[in-house]
Amino acid sequence: MEISEMIGLKRKKKTAATENAGAVKTCEVCVAVDYPQQGEKITTPCYTFRVGATGDPERVEISIEQGPWQSCRHSAGYWWYDWSGYTSGRYQAVVKAWARDGRAVTCEPRDFQVAGGKRKTAKNA
């Protein structure tokens, strides 16, 4: 999914009066997981998530399977997260973008699958 397609996804607007003559400023932040795509099957031992964001967020974080939020790195117009050490199974990822005013916007969850690795067990889940 390209950034231009994300405009219709989850948005956050902030309207604030500026110090100059009561002008109104609007700041929109929008974020979405580009890759993996919905339902995609990952078959490699390492994977890099690509996250698209508009509105110049201060930072972007990702959570996989409701785990801890991990920082993404910004490069080439996208946000990236390198993931490894996972096991086979179904997963869900959510990304969150932090606007410069401190507000956070979260995307719709992205479901994907890992195949070919170790199986999830109670011991390694």
PDB file of N, CA and C in Angstrom:
ATOM      1  N   MET A   1       0.857  -1.164   0.000  1.00  0.00           N
ATOM      2  CA  MET A   1       0.000   0.000   0.000  1.00  0.00           C
ATOM      3  C   MET A   1       0.907   1.232   0.000  1.00  0.00           C
ATOM      4  N   GLU A   2       0.640   2.129  -0.887  1.00  0.00           N
ATOM      5  CA  GLU A   2       1.419   3.353  -0.988  1.00  0.00           C
ATOM      6  C   GLU A   2       0.883   4.401  -0.025  1.00  0.00           C
ATOM      7  N   ILE A   3       1.699   5.382   0.282  1.00  0.00           N
ATOM      8  CA  ILE A   3       1.310   6.434   1.221  1.00  0.00           C
ATOM      9  C   ILE A   3       0.049   7.145   0.760  1.00  0.00           C
ATOM     10  N   SER A   4      -0.066   7.400  -0.527  1.00  0.00           N
ATOM     11  CA  SER A   4      -1.248   8.107  -1.028  1.00  0.00           C
ATOM     12  C   SER A   4      -2.527   7.306  -0.779  1.00  0.00           C
ATOM     13  N   GLU A   5      -2.427   5.968  -0.720  1.00  0.00           N
ATOM     14  CA  GLU A   5      -3.588   5.132  -0.462  1.00  0.00           C
ATOM     15  C   GLU A   5      -3.985   5.152   1.006  1.00  0.00           C
ATOM     16  N   MET A   6      -3.049   5.503   1.886  1.00  0.00           N
ATOM     17  CA  MET A   6      -3.315   5.481   3.313  1.00  0.00           C
ATOM     18  C   MET A   6      -4.173   6.648   3.771  1.00  0.00           C
ATOM     19  N   ILE A   7      -4.323   7.659   2.941  1.00  0.00           N
ATOM     20  CA  ILE A   7      -5.066   8.842   3.337  1.00  0.00           C
ATOM     21  C   ILE A   7      -6.452   8.476   3.863  1.00  0.00           C
ATOM     22  N   GLY A   8      -7.083   7.479   3.265  1.00  0.00           N
ATOM     23  CA  GLY A   8      -8.417   7.080   3.691  1.00  0.00           C
ATOM     24  C   GLY A   8      -8.421   6.239   4.962  1.00  0.00           C
ATOM     25  N   LEU A   9      -7.247   5.813   5.453  1.00  0.00           N
ATOM     26  CA  LEU A   9      -7.190   5.012   6.669  1.00  0.00           C
ATOM     27  C   LEU A   9      -7.250   5.890   7.906  1.00  0.00           C
ATOM     28  N   LYS A  10      -7.007   5.307   9.029  1.00  0.00           N
ATOM     29  CA  LYS A  10      -7.104   5.972  10.334  1.00  0.00           C
ATOM     30  C   LYS A  10      -6.348   7.300  10.336  1.00  0.00           C
ATOM     31  N   ARG A  11      -6.998   8.373  10.766  1.00  0.00           N
ATOM     32  CA  ARG A  11      -6.413   9.706  10.795  1.00  0.00           C
ATOM     33  C   ARG A  11      -6.579  10.321  12.167  1.00  0.00           C
ATOM     34  N   LYS A  12      -5.725  11.273  12.435  1.00  0.00           N
ATOM     35  CA  LYS A  12      -5.830  12.046  13.661  1.00  0.00           C
ATOM     36  C   LYS A  12      -5.625  13.494  13.284  1.00  0.00           C
ATOM     37  N   LYS A  13      -6.546  14.368  13.669  1.00  0.00           N
ATOM     38  CA  LYS A  13      -6.443  15.784  13.355  1.00  0.00           C
ATOM     39  C   LYS A  13      -6.290  16.562  14.636  1.00  0.00           C
ATOM     40  N   LYS A  14      -5.482  17.604  14.555  1.00  0.00           N
ATOM     41  CA  LYS A  14      -5.362  18.509  15.671  1.00  0.00           C
ATOM     42  C   LYS A  14      -5.578  19.912  15.139  1.00  0.00           C
ATOM     43  N   THR A  15      -6.450  20.640  15.762  1.00  0.00           N
ATOM     44  CA  THR A  15      -6.670  22.021  15.383  1.00  0.00           C
ATOM     45  C   THR A  15      -6.307  22.871  16.584  1.00  0.00           C
ATOM     46  N   ALA A  16      -5.427  23.854  16.354  1.00  0.00           N
ATOM     47  CA  ALA A  16      -4.993  24.703  17.453  1.00  0.00           C
ATOM     48  C   ALA A  16      -4.845  26.130  16.967  1.00  0.00           C
ATOM     49  N   ALA A  17      -5.164  27.059  17.822  1.00  0.00           N
ATOM     50  CA  ALA A  17      -4.971  28.468  17.486  1.00  0.00           C
ATOM     51  C   ALA A  17      -3.485  28.777  17.607  1.00  0.00           C
ATOM     52  N   THR A  18      -2.937  29.432  16.627  1.00  0.00           N
ATOM     53  CA  THR A  18      -1.543  29.830  16.693  1.00  0.00           C
ATOM     54  C   THR A  18      -1.437  31.164  17.405  1.00  0.00           C
ATOM     55  N   GLU A  19      -0.229  31.559  17.696  1.00  0.00           N
ATOM     56  CA  GLU A  19      -0.022  32.812  18.420  1.00  0.00           C
ATOM     57  C   GLU A  19      -0.320  34.023  17.545  1.00  0.00           C
ATOM     58  N   ASN A  20      -0.338  33.846  16.234  1.00  0.00           N
ATOM     59  CA  ASN A  20      -0.547  34.966  15.319  1.00  0.00           C
ATOM     60  C   ASN A  20      -2.002  35.093  14.915  1.00  0.00           C
ATOM     61  N   ALA A  21      -2.670  36.078  15.385  1.00  0.00           N
ATOM     62  CA  ALA A  21      -4.007  36.492  14.941  1.00  0.00           C
ATOM     63  C   ALA A  21      -5.046  35.381  14.940  1.00  0.00           C
ATOM     64  N   GLY A  22      -4.906  34.391  15.794  1.00  0.00           N
ATOM     65  CA  GLY A  22      -5.917  33.356  15.920  1.00  0.00           C
ATOM     66  C   GLY A  22      -6.035  32.454  14.707  1.00  0.00           C
ATOM     67  N   ALA A  23      -4.996  32.341  13.867  1.00  0.00           N
ATOM     68  CA  ALA A  23      -5.047  31.455  12.710  1.00  0.00           C
ATOM     69  C   ALA A  23      -5.167  30.012  13.192  1.00  0.00           C
ATOM     70  N   VAL A  24      -5.729  29.149  12.357  1.00  0.00           N
ATOM     71  CA  VAL A  24      -5.915  27.744  12.723  1.00  0.00           C
ATOM     72  C   VAL A  24      -4.943  26.896  11.924  1.00  0.00           C
ATOM     73  N   LYS A  25      -4.279  25.971  12.623  1.00  0.00           N
ATOM     74  CA  LYS A  25      -3.314  25.087  11.987  1.00  0.00           C
ATOM     75  C   LYS A  25      -3.820  23.657  12.135  1.00  0.00           C
ATOM     76  N   THR A  26      -3.770  22.873  11.054  1.00  0.00           N
ATOM     77  CA  THR A  26      -4.208  21.484  11.084  1.00  0.00           C
ATOM     78  C   THR A  26      -2.995  20.584  10.850  1.00  0.00           C
ATOM     79  N   CYS A  27      -2.861  19.574  11.681  1.00  0.00           N
ATOM     80  CA  CYS A  27      -1.755  18.626  11.563  1.00  0.00           C
ATOM     81  C   CYS A  27      -2.363  17.233  11.493  1.00  0.00           C
ATOM     82  N   GLU A  28      -2.186  16.524  10.390  1.00  0.00           N
ATOM     83  CA  GLU A  28      -2.721  15.177  10.238  1.00  0.00           C
ATOM     84  C   GLU A  28      -1.584  14.176  10.257  1.00  0.00           C
ATOM     85  N   VAL A  29      -1.778  13.108  10.971  1.00  0.00           N
ATOM     86  CA  VAL A  29      -0.838  11.999  10.981  1.00  0.00           C
ATOM     87  C   VAL A  29      -1.624  10.749  10.620  1.00  0.00           C
ATOM     88  N   CYS A  30      -1.101   9.978   9.706  1.00  0.00           N
ATOM     89  CA  CYS A  30      -1.726   8.741   9.250  1.00  0.00           C
ATOM     90  C   CYS A  30      -0.620   7.690   9.160  1.00  0.00           C
ATOM     91  N   VAL A  31      -0.903   6.469   9.587  1.00  0.00           N
ATOM     92  CA  VAL A  31       0.111   5.419   9.583  1.00  0.00           C
ATOM     93  C   VAL A  31      -0.525   4.087   9.199  1.00  0.00           C
ATOM     94  N   ALA A  32       0.224   3.241   8.493  1.00  0.00           N
ATOM     95  CA  ALA A  32      -0.264   1.911   8.108  1.00  0.00           C
ATOM     96  C   ALA A  32       0.912   0.992   7.802  1.00  0.00           C
ATOM     97  N   VAL A  33       0.707  -0.300   8.057  1.00  0.00           N
ATOM     98  CA  VAL A  33       1.697  -1.310   7.690  1.00  0.00           C
ATOM     99  C   VAL A  33       1.583  -1.531   6.184  1.00  0.00           C
ATOM    100  N   ASP A  34       2.667  -1.305   5.448  1.00  0.00           N
ATOM    101  CA  ASP A  34       2.686  -1.585   4.011  1.00  0.00           C
ATOM    102  C   ASP A  34       2.985  -3.068   3.768  1.00  0.00           C
ATOM    103  N   TYR A  35       4.037  -3.565   4.432  1.00  0.00           N
ATOM    104  CA  TYR A  35       4.463  -4.958   4.295  1.00  0.00           C
ATOM    105  C   TYR A  35       4.831  -5.505   5.655  1.00  0.00           C
ATOM    106  N   PRO A  36       4.359  -6.707   6.000  1.00  0.00           N
ATOM    107  CA  PRO A  36       3.695  -7.648   5.126  1.00  0.00           C
ATOM    108  C   PRO A  36       2.270  -7.199   4.817  1.00  0.00           C
ATOM    109  N   GLN A  37       1.778  -7.624   3.681  1.00  0.00           N
ATOM    110  CA  GLN A  37       0.402  -7.315   3.313  1.00  0.00           C
ATOM    111  C   GLN A  37      -0.540  -8.218   4.095  1.00  0.00           C
ATOM    112  N   GLN A  38      -1.810  -7.835   4.139  1.00  0.00           N
ATOM    113  CA  GLN A  38      -2.814  -8.613   4.877  1.00  0.00           C
ATOM    114  C   GLN A  38      -2.798 -10.062   4.390  1.00  0.00           C
ATOM    115  N   GLY A  39      -2.636 -11.009   5.327  1.00  0.00           N
ATOM    116  CA  GLY A  39      -2.653 -12.430   4.999  1.00  0.00           C
ATOM    117  C   GLY A  39      -1.376 -12.964   4.373  1.00  0.00           C
ATOM    118  N   GLU A  40      -0.359 -12.134   4.200  1.00  0.00           N
ATOM    119  CA  GLU A  40       0.885 -12.575   3.566  1.00  0.00           C
ATOM    120  C   GLU A  40       1.554 -13.668   4.391  1.00  0.00           C
ATOM    121  N   LYS A  41       2.263 -14.568   3.699  1.00  0.00           N
ATOM    122  CA  LYS A  41       2.986 -15.655   4.350  1.00  0.00           C
ATOM    123  C   LYS A  41       4.485 -15.345   4.265  1.00  0.00           C
ATOM    124  N   ILE A  42       5.128 -15.253   5.414  1.00  0.00           N
ATOM    125  CA  ILE A  42       6.569 -14.998   5.501  1.00  0.00           C
ATOM    126  C   ILE A  42       7.266 -16.345   5.592  1.00  0.00           C
ATOM    127  N   THR A  43       8.296 -16.549   4.757  1.00  0.00           N
ATOM    128  CA  THR A  43       8.997 -17.834   4.731  1.00  0.00           C
ATOM    129  C   THR A  43      10.495 -17.690   4.972  1.00  0.00           C
ATOM    130  N   THR A  44      10.940 -16.509   5.358  1.00  0.00           N
ATOM    131  CA  THR A  44      12.369 -16.256   5.566  1.00  0.00           C
ATOM    132  C   THR A  44      12.685 -16.163   7.057  1.00  0.00           C
ATOM    133  N   PRO A  45      13.947 -16.409   7.449  1.00  0.00           N
ATOM    134  CA  PRO A  45      14.299 -16.367   8.872  1.00  0.00           C
ATOM    135  C   PRO A  45      14.372 -14.941   9.449  1.00  0.00           C
ATOM    136  N   CYS A  46      14.443 -13.933   8.600  1.00  0.00           N
ATOM    137  CA  CYS A  46      14.449 -12.527   9.015  1.00  0.00           C
ATOM    138  C   CYS A  46      13.481 -11.771   8.108  1.00  0.00           C
ATOM    139  N   TYR A  47      12.822 -10.766   8.661  1.00  0.00           N
ATOM    140  CA  TYR A  47      11.855 -10.011   7.873  1.00  0.00           C
ATOM    141  C   TYR A  47      11.925  -8.546   8.283  1.00  0.00           C
ATOM    142  N   THR A  48      11.771  -7.652   7.303  1.00  0.00           N
ATOM    143  CA  THR A  48      11.742  -6.226   7.585  1.00  0.00           C
ATOM    144  C   THR A  48      10.367  -5.680   7.244  1.00  0.00           C
ATOM    145  N   PHE A  49       9.671  -5.164   8.255  1.00  0.00           N
ATOM    146  CA  PHE A  49       8.370  -4.525   8.069  1.00  0.00           C
ATOM    147  C   PHE A  49       8.581  -3.159   7.436  1.00  0.00           C
ATOM    148  N   ARG A  50       7.706  -2.789   6.507  1.00  0.00           N
ATOM    149  CA  ARG A  50       7.715  -1.440   5.948  1.00  0.00           C
ATOM    150  C   ARG A  50       6.426  -0.747   6.370  1.00  0.00           C
ATOM    151  N   VAL A  51       6.583   0.439   6.960  1.00  0.00           N
ATOM    152  CA  VAL A  51       5.460   1.211   7.464  1.00  0.00           C
ATOM    153  C   VAL A  51       5.431   2.552   6.736  1.00  0.00           C
ATOM    154  N   GLY A  52       4.274   2.913   6.228  1.00  0.00           N
ATOM    155  CA  GLY A  52       4.100   4.212   5.587  1.00  0.00           C
ATOM    156  C   GLY A  52       3.416   5.157   6.560  1.00  0.00           C
ATOM    157  N   ALA A  53       3.858   6.406   6.552  1.00  0.00           N
ATOM    158  CA  ALA A  53       3.250   7.404   7.438  1.00  0.00           C
ATOM    159  C   ALA A  53       3.232   8.754   6.743  1.00  0.00           C
ATOM    160  N   THR A  54       2.152   9.478   6.956  1.00  0.00           N
ATOM    161  CA  THR A  54       2.055  10.844   6.444  1.00  0.00           C
ATOM    162  C   THR A  54       1.967  11.793   7.631  1.00  0.00           C
ATOM    163  N   GLY A  55       2.195  13.067   7.365  1.00  0.00           N
ATOM    164  CA  GLY A  55       2.066  14.072   8.412  1.00  0.00           C
ATOM    165  C   GLY A  55       3.318  14.273   9.235  1.00  0.00           C
ATOM    166  N   ASP A  56       4.445  13.749   8.810  1.00  0.00           N
ATOM    167  CA  ASP A  56       5.731  13.960   9.478  1.00  0.00           C
ATOM    168  C   ASP A  56       5.713  13.572  10.954  1.00  0.00           C
ATOM    169  N   PRO A  57       5.452  12.296  11.270  1.00  0.00           N
ATOM    170  CA  PRO A  57       5.446  11.883  12.678  1.00  0.00           C
ATOM    171  C   PRO A  57       6.838  11.989  13.300  1.00  0.00           C
ATOM    172  N   GLU A  58       6.851  12.205  14.588  1.00  0.00           N
ATOM    173  CA  GLU A  58       8.112  12.299  15.322  1.00  0.00           C
ATOM    174  C   GLU A  58       8.775  10.926  15.449  1.00  0.00           C
ATOM    175  N   ARG A  59       7.940   9.906  15.699  1.00  0.00           N
ATOM    176  CA  ARG A  59       8.459   8.537  15.780  1.00  0.00           C
ATOM    177  C   ARG A  59       7.342   7.558  15.453  1.00  0.00           C
ATOM    178  N   VAL A  60       7.758   6.341  15.091  1.00  0.00           N
ATOM    179  CA  VAL A  60       6.816   5.267  14.774  1.00  0.00           C
ATOM    180  C   VAL A  60       7.278   4.030  15.533  1.00  0.00           C
ATOM    181  N   GLU A  61       6.311   3.302  16.081  1.00  0.00           N
ATOM    182  CA  GLU A  61       6.599   2.081  16.830  1.00  0.00           C
ATOM    183  C   GLU A  61       5.701   0.954  16.337  1.00  0.00           C
ATOM    184  N   ILE A  62       6.157  -0.281  16.547  1.00  0.00           N
ATOM    185  CA  ILE A  62       5.393  -1.459  16.138  1.00  0.00           C
ATOM    186  C   ILE A  62       5.249  -2.412  17.321  1.00  0.00           C
ATOM    187  N   SER A  63       4.104  -3.091  17.370  1.00  0.00           N
ATOM    188  CA  SER A  63       3.869  -4.131  18.364  1.00  0.00           C
ATOM    189  C   SER A  63       3.408  -5.375  17.616  1.00  0.00           C
ATOM    190  N   ILE A  64       4.050  -6.491  17.899  1.00  0.00           N
ATOM    191  CA  ILE A  64       3.692  -7.757  17.267  1.00  0.00           C
ATOM    192  C   ILE A  64       3.095  -8.660  18.334  1.00  0.00           C
ATOM    193  N   GLU A  65       1.898  -9.174  18.055  1.00  0.00           N
ATOM    194  CA  GLU A  65       1.180 -10.037  18.994  1.00  0.00           C
ATOM    195  C   GLU A  65       1.000  -9.367  20.356  1.00  0.00           C
ATOM    196  N   GLN A  66       0.663  -8.105  20.359  1.00  0.00           N
ATOM    197  CA  GLN A  66       0.421  -7.312  21.564  1.00  0.00           C
ATOM    198  C   GLN A  66       1.616  -7.299  22.502  1.00  0.00           C
ATOM    199  N   GLY A  67       2.809  -7.473  21.905  1.00  0.00           N
ATOM    200  CA  GLY A  67       4.039  -7.423  22.686  1.00  0.00           C
ATOM    201  C   GLY A  67       4.456  -5.980  22.929  1.00  0.00           C
ATOM    202  N   PRO A  68       5.653  -5.781  23.454  1.00  0.00           N
ATOM    203  CA  PRO A  68       6.124  -4.425  23.735  1.00  0.00           C
ATOM    204  C   PRO A  68       6.268  -3.610  22.452  1.00  0.00           C
ATOM    205  N   TRP A  69       6.094  -2.311  22.572  1.00  0.00           N
ATOM    206  CA  TRP A  69       6.271  -1.412  21.426  1.00  0.00           C
ATOM    207  C   TRP A  69       7.756  -1.291  21.118  1.00  0.00           C
ATOM    208  N   GLN A  70       8.103  -1.475  19.840  1.00  0.00           N
ATOM    209  CA  GLN A  70       9.488  -1.413  19.381  1.00  0.00           C
ATOM    210  C   GLN A  70       9.642  -0.241  18.419  1.00  0.00           C
ATOM    211  N   SER A  71      10.732   0.483  18.534  1.00  0.00           N
ATOM    212  CA  SER A  71      10.971   1.635  17.662  1.00  0.00           C
ATOM    213  C   SER A  71      11.276   1.198  16.238  1.00  0.00           C
ATOM    214  N   CYS A  72      10.733   1.938  15.293  1.00  0.00           N
ATOM    215  CA  CYS A  72      11.045   1.735  13.875  1.00  0.00           C
ATOM    216  C   CYS A  72      12.063   2.807  13.463  1.00  0.00           C
ATOM    217  N   ARG A  73      12.835   2.513  12.436  1.00  0.00           N
ATOM    218  CA  ARG A  73      13.813   3.490  11.933  1.00  0.00           C
ATOM    219  C   ARG A  73      13.264   4.143  10.676  1.00  0.00           C
ATOM    220  N   HIS A  74      13.632   5.391  10.459  1.00  0.00           N
ATOM    221  CA  HIS A  74      13.145   6.134   9.299  1.00  0.00           C
ATOM    222  C   HIS A  74      14.238   6.189   8.245  1.00  0.00           C
ATOM    223  N   SER A  75      13.889   5.806   7.020  1.00  0.00           N
ATOM    224  CA  SER A  75      14.844   5.841   5.915  1.00  0.00           C
ATOM    225  C   SER A  75      14.088   5.778   4.596  1.00  0.00           C
ATOM    226  N   ALA A  76      14.541   6.531   3.626  1.00  0.00           N
ATOM    227  CA  ALA A  76      13.996   6.504   2.264  1.00  0.00           C
ATOM    228  C   ALA A  76      12.484   6.749   2.219  1.00  0.00           C
ATOM    229  N   GLY A  77      11.983   7.593   3.111  1.00  0.00           N
ATOM    230  CA  GLY A  77      10.578   7.961   3.086  1.00  0.00           C
ATOM    231  C   GLY A  77       9.632   6.993   3.775  1.00  0.00           C
ATOM    232  N   TYR A  78      10.161   5.928   4.377  1.00  0.00           N
ATOM    233  CA  TYR A  78       9.350   4.942   5.080  1.00  0.00           C
ATOM    234  C   TYR A  78       9.935   4.696   6.465  1.00  0.00           C
ATOM    235  N   TRP A  79       9.196   3.973   7.269  1.00  0.00           N
ATOM    236  CA  TRP A  79       9.651   3.520   8.576  1.00  0.00           C
ATOM    237  C   TRP A  79       9.830   2.014   8.487  1.00  0.00           C
ATOM    238  N   TRP A  80      10.881   1.476   9.120  1.00  0.00           N
ATOM    239  CA  TRP A  80      11.260   0.073   8.972  1.00  0.00           C
ATOM    240  C   TRP A  80      11.475  -0.574  10.337  1.00  0.00           C
ATOM    241  N   TYR A  81      11.141  -1.867  10.420  1.00  0.00           N
ATOM    242  CA  TYR A  81      11.426  -2.632  11.628  1.00  0.00           C
ATOM    243  C   TYR A  81      11.956  -3.998  11.210  1.00  0.00           C
ATOM    244  N   ASP A  82      13.159  -4.337  11.688  1.00  0.00           N
ATOM    245  CA  ASP A  82      13.788  -5.624  11.389  1.00  0.00           C
ATOM    246  C   ASP A  82      13.380  -6.631  12.454  1.00  0.00           C
ATOM    247  N   TRP A  83      12.828  -7.766  12.006  1.00  0.00           N
ATOM    248  CA  TRP A  83      12.279  -8.778  12.903  1.00  0.00           C
ATOM    249  C   TRP A  83      12.962 -10.105  12.640  1.00  0.00           C
ATOM    250  N   SER A  84      13.324 -10.821  13.704  1.00  0.00           N
ATOM    251  CA  SER A  84      13.932 -12.148  13.560  1.00  0.00           C
ATOM    252  C   SER A  84      13.657 -12.955  14.823  1.00  0.00           C
ATOM    253  N   GLY A  85      14.013 -14.224  14.790  1.00  0.00           N
ATOM    254  CA  GLY A  85      13.834 -15.092  15.942  1.00  0.00           C
ATOM    255  C   GLY A  85      12.399 -15.527  16.171  1.00  0.00           C
ATOM    256  N   TYR A  86      11.568 -15.435  15.174  1.00  0.00           N
ATOM    257  CA  TYR A  86      10.161 -15.796  15.310  1.00  0.00           C
ATOM    258  C   TYR A  86       9.947 -17.260  14.953  1.00  0.00           C
ATOM    259  N   THR A  87       8.777 -17.750  15.299  1.00  0.00           N
ATOM    260  CA  THR A  87       8.411 -19.138  15.032  1.00  0.00           C
ATOM    261  C   THR A  87       7.240 -19.177  14.055  1.00  0.00           C
ATOM    262  N   SER A  88       6.946 -20.340  13.532  1.00  0.00           N
ATOM    263  CA  SER A  88       5.799 -20.500  12.626  1.00  0.00           C
ATOM    264  C   SER A  88       4.507 -20.207  13.369  1.00  0.00           C
ATOM    265  N   GLY A  89       3.553 -19.663  12.641  1.00  0.00           N
ATOM    266  CA  GLY A  89       2.250 -19.399  13.234  1.00  0.00           C
ATOM    267  C   GLY A  89       1.599 -18.169  12.639  1.00  0.00           C
ATOM    268  N   ARG A  90       0.473 -17.814  13.205  1.00  0.00           N
ATOM    269  CA  ARG A  90      -0.264 -16.619  12.775  1.00  0.00           C
ATOM    270  C   ARG A  90       0.080 -15.475  13.719  1.00  0.00           C
ATOM    271  N   TYR A  91       0.231 -14.284  13.148  1.00  0.00           N
ATOM    272  CA  TYR A  91       0.621 -13.113  13.919  1.00  0.00           C
ATOM    273  C   TYR A  91      -0.236 -11.909  13.545  1.00  0.00           C
ATOM    274  N   GLN A  92      -0.166 -10.916  14.410  1.00  0.00           N
ATOM    275  CA  GLN A  92      -0.836  -9.645  14.145  1.00  0.00           C
ATOM    276  C   GLN A  92       0.116  -8.530  14.559  1.00  0.00           C
ATOM    277  N   ALA A  93       0.232  -7.528  13.697  1.00  0.00           N
ATOM    278  CA  ALA A  93       1.080  -6.375  13.983  1.00  0.00           C
ATOM    279  C   ALA A  93       0.238  -5.109  13.967  1.00  0.00           C
ATOM    280  N   VAL A  94       0.601  -4.177  14.840  1.00  0.00           N
ATOM    281  CA  VAL A  94      -0.041  -2.865  14.898  1.00  0.00           C
ATOM    282  C   VAL A  94       1.071  -1.837  14.963  1.00  0.00           C
ATOM    283  N   VAL A  95       0.925  -0.738  14.232  1.00  0.00           N
ATOM    284  CA  VAL A  95       1.904   0.339  14.315  1.00  0.00           C
ATOM    285  C   VAL A  95       1.245   1.591  14.887  1.00  0.00           C
ATOM    286  N   LYS A  96       2.081   2.394  15.514  1.00  0.00           N
ATOM    287  CA  LYS A  96       1.624   3.627  16.148  1.00  0.00           C
ATOM    288  C   LYS A  96       2.582   4.736  15.741  1.00  0.00           C
ATOM    289  N   ALA A  97       2.031   5.875  15.319  1.00  0.00           N
ATOM    290  CA  ALA A  97       2.846   7.036  14.965  1.00  0.00           C
ATOM    291  C   ALA A  97       2.607   8.118  16.004  1.00  0.00           C
ATOM    292  N   TRP A  98       3.669   8.760  16.422  1.00  0.00           N
ATOM    293  CA  TRP A  98       3.591   9.840  17.400  1.00  0.00           C
ATOM    294  C   TRP A  98       3.736  11.170  16.688  1.00  0.00           C
ATOM    295  N   ALA A  99       2.684  11.989  16.756  1.00  0.00           N
ATOM    296  CA  ALA A  99       2.733  13.333  16.173  1.00  0.00           C
ATOM    297  C   ALA A  99       3.660  14.196  17.018  1.00  0.00           C
ATOM    298  N   ARG A 100       4.126  15.279  16.451  1.00  0.00           N
ATOM    299  CA  ARG A 100       5.048  16.168  17.156  1.00  0.00           C
ATOM    300  C   ARG A 100       4.400  16.847  18.359  1.00  0.00           C
ATOM    301  N   ASP A 101       3.064  16.869  18.410  1.00  0.00           N
ATOM    302  CA  ASP A 101       2.378  17.445  19.572  1.00  0.00           C
ATOM    303  C   ASP A 101       2.173  16.406  20.678  1.00  0.00           C
ATOM    304  N   GLY A 102       2.693  15.182  20.491  1.00  0.00           N
ATOM    305  CA  GLY A 102       2.621  14.155  21.520  1.00  0.00           C
ATOM    306  C   GLY A 102       1.460  13.189  21.383  1.00  0.00           C
ATOM    307  N   ARG A 103       0.563  13.433  20.462  1.00  0.00           N
ATOM    308  CA  ARG A 103      -0.573  12.527  20.269  1.00  0.00           C
ATOM    309  C   ARG A 103      -0.147  11.320  19.443  1.00  0.00           C
ATOM    310  N   ALA A 104      -0.796  10.180  19.723  1.00  0.00           N
ATOM    311  CA  ALA A 104      -0.467   8.946  19.007  1.00  0.00           C
ATOM    312  C   ALA A 104      -1.642   8.502  18.148  1.00  0.00           C
ATOM    313  N   VAL A 105      -1.317   7.960  16.974  1.00  0.00           N
ATOM    314  CA  VAL A 105      -2.315   7.409  16.061  1.00  0.00           C
ATOM    315  C   VAL A 105      -1.920   5.962  15.796  1.00  0.00           C
ATOM    316  N   THR A 106      -2.887   5.054  15.932  1.00  0.00           N
ATOM    317  CA  THR A 106      -2.633   3.638  15.720  1.00  0.00           C
ATOM    318  C   THR A 106      -3.352   3.174  14.460  1.00  0.00           C
ATOM    319  N   CYS A 107      -2.745   2.232  13.744  1.00  0.00           N
ATOM    320  CA  CYS A 107      -3.351   1.720  12.518  1.00  0.00           C
ATOM    321  C   CYS A 107      -4.253   0.533  12.817  1.00  0.00           C
ATOM    322  N   GLU A 108      -4.952   0.100  11.798  1.00  0.00           N
ATOM    323  CA  GLU A 108      -5.729  -1.128  11.885  1.00  0.00           C
ATOM    324  C   GLU A 108      -4.737  -2.301  11.985  1.00  0.00           C
ATOM    325  N   PRO A 109      -5.064  -3.339  12.740  1.00  0.00           N
ATOM    326  CA  PRO A 109      -4.155  -4.490  12.857  1.00  0.00           C
ATOM    327  C   PRO A 109      -3.915  -5.161  11.504  1.00  0.00           C
ATOM    328  N   ARG A 110      -2.711  -5.677  11.319  1.00  0.00           N
ATOM    329  CA  ARG A 110      -2.342  -6.400  10.104  1.00  0.00           C
ATOM    330  C   ARG A 110      -2.083  -7.850  10.473  1.00  0.00           C
ATOM    331  N   ASP A 111      -2.855  -8.775   9.890  1.00  0.00           N
ATOM    332  CA  ASP A 111      -2.691 -10.200  10.135  1.00  0.00           C
ATOM    333  C   ASP A 111      -1.789 -10.790   9.059  1.00  0.00           C
ATOM    334  N   PHE A 112      -0.858 -11.640   9.493  1.00  0.00           N
ATOM    335  CA  PHE A 112       0.046 -12.309   8.559  1.00  0.00           C
ATOM    336  C   PHE A 112       0.449 -13.637   9.172  1.00  0.00           C
ATOM    337  N   GLN A 113       1.205 -14.412   8.416  1.00  0.00           N
ATOM    338  CA  GLN A 113       1.549 -15.767   8.830  1.00  0.00           C
ATOM    339  C   GLN A 113       3.027 -16.017   8.594  1.00  0.00           C
ATOM    340  N   VAL A 114       3.638 -16.821   9.451  1.00  0.00           N
ATOM    341  CA  VAL A 114       5.019 -17.259   9.268  1.00  0.00           C
ATOM    342  C   VAL A 114       4.978 -18.760   9.023  1.00  0.00           C
ATOM    343  N   ALA A 115       5.640 -19.214   7.974  1.00  0.00           N
ATOM    344  CA  ALA A 115       5.687 -20.635   7.639  1.00  0.00           C
ATOM    345  C   ALA A 115       7.139 -21.068   7.475  1.00  0.00           C
ATOM    346  N   GLY A 116       7.409 -22.302   7.835  1.00  0.00           N
ATOM    347  CA  GLY A 116       8.734 -22.860   7.597  1.00  0.00           C
ATOM    348  C   GLY A 116       9.703 -22.742   8.755  1.00  0.00           C
ATOM    349  N   GLY A 117       9.354 -22.045   9.806  1.00  0.00           N
ATOM    350  CA  GLY A 117      10.231 -21.928  10.969  1.00  0.00           C
ATOM    351  C   GLY A 117       9.831 -22.912  12.037  1.00  0.00           C
ATOM    352  N   LYS A 118      10.323 -22.689  13.241  1.00  0.00           N
ATOM    353  CA  LYS A 118       9.910 -23.522  14.372  1.00  0.00           C
ATOM    354  C   LYS A 118       8.442 -23.297  14.647  1.00  0.00           C
ATOM    355  N   ARG A 119       7.776 -24.283  15.165  1.00  0.00           N
ATOM    356  CA  ARG A 119       6.366 -24.161  15.546  1.00  0.00           C
ATOM    357  C   ARG A 119       6.269 -23.452  16.887  1.00  0.00           C
ATOM    358  N   LYS A 120       5.213 -22.637  17.061  1.00  0.00           N
ATOM    359  CA  LYS A 120       4.954 -22.001  18.348  1.00  0.00           C
ATOM    360  C   LYS A 120       4.556 -23.068  19.353  1.00  0.00           C
ATOM    361  N   THR A 121       5.194 -23.059  20.496  1.00  0.00           N
ATOM    362  CA  THR A 121       4.812 -23.957  21.578  1.00  0.00           C
ATOM    363  C   THR A 121       4.729 -23.124  22.848  1.00  0.00           C
ATOM    364  N   ALA A 122       4.232 -23.707  23.914  1.00  0.00           N
ATOM    365  CA  ALA A 122       4.166 -22.989  25.193  1.00  0.00           C
ATOM    366  C   ALA A 122       5.568 -22.608  25.638  1.00  0.00           C
ATOM    367  N   LYS A 123       6.563 -23.399  25.278  1.00  0.00           N
ATOM    368  CA  LYS A 123       7.945 -23.147  25.680  1.00  0.00           C
ATOM    369  C   LYS A 123       8.557 -21.959  24.929  1.00  0.00           C
ATOM    370  N   ASN A 124       8.273 -21.807  23.619  1.00  0.00           N
ATOM    371  CA  ASN A 124       8.913 -20.746  22.841  1.00  0.00           C
ATOM    372  C   ASN A 124       7.941 -19.689  22.348  1.00  0.00           C
ATOM    373  N   ALA A 125       6.725 -19.655  22.830  1.00  0.00           N
ATOM    374  CA  ALA A 125       5.722 -18.671  22.371  1.00  0.00           C
ATOM    375  C   ALA A 125       5.981 -17.311  22.957  1.00  0.00           C
TER     376      ALA A 125
END
